[in-house]
């Protein structure tokens, strides 16, 4: 699982993911979203 910060609002597995918030998603999904600029990798703090 990878933490990403969303750049857009989207629905993922029945949940609403809002822009600007950090969510944990599967690694393959995170790679696709980062490549298409729907999200950016969140810093682990």
Protein backbone atom coordinates (compact mmCIF):
# COMPACT_ATOMS: atom_id res chain seq x y z
CA UNK A 1 0.00 0.00 0.00
CA UNK A 2 1.16 3.51 -0.86
CA UNK A 3 0.01 6.86 0.52
CA UNK A 4 -0.99 9.39 -2.13
CA UNK A 5 -2.26 12.97 -2.00
CA UNK A 6 -5.13 13.40 -4.44
CA UNK A 7 -5.06 16.22 -7.03
CA UNK A 8 -8.65 15.53 -8.10
CA UNK A 9 -11.80 14.12 -6.56
CA UNK A 10 -12.57 10.55 -7.60
CA UNK A 11 -14.42 7.44 -6.55
CA UNK A 12 -12.34 4.37 -5.64
CA UNK A 13 -13.88 1.06 -4.57
CA UNK A 14 -17.11 2.74 -3.53
CA UNK A 15 -15.39 5.48 -1.50
CA UNK A 16 -15.19 9.15 -2.42
CA UNK A 17 -11.59 10.39 -2.41
CA UNK A 18 -11.36 14.16 -2.17
CA UNK A 19 -8.72 16.44 -3.69
CA UNK A 20 -6.01 17.60 -1.28
CA UNK A 21 -6.43 14.70 1.15
CA UNK A 22 -4.09 11.74 1.70
CA UNK A 23 -5.26 8.18 1.14
CA UNK A 24 -3.65 4.75 1.15
CA UNK A 25 -4.15 2.74 -2.06
CA UNK A 26 -2.58 -0.27 -3.73
CA UNK A 27 0.84 0.25 -5.30
CA UNK A 28 -0.25 -0.44 -8.90
CA UNK A 29 -3.17 1.99 -8.60
CA UNK A 30 -0.89 4.62 -7.08
CA UNK A 31 1.60 4.27 -9.95
CA UNK A 32 -1.15 4.82 -12.54
CA UNK A 33 -2.59 7.82 -10.69
CA UNK A 34 0.84 9.43 -10.23
CA UNK A 35 1.73 8.88 -13.91
CA UNK A 36 -1.54 10.50 -15.03
CA UNK A 37 -1.20 13.28 -12.41
CA UNK A 38 -4.43 12.40 -10.64
CA UNK A 39 -2.38 12.12 -7.44
CA UNK A 40 1.12 12.64 -6.08
CA UNK A 41 3.09 10.47 -3.67
CA UNK A 42 2.59 11.62 -0.08
CA UNK A 43 5.57 12.06 2.22
CA UNK A 44 5.69 9.57 5.08
CA UNK A 45 5.70 11.68 8.20
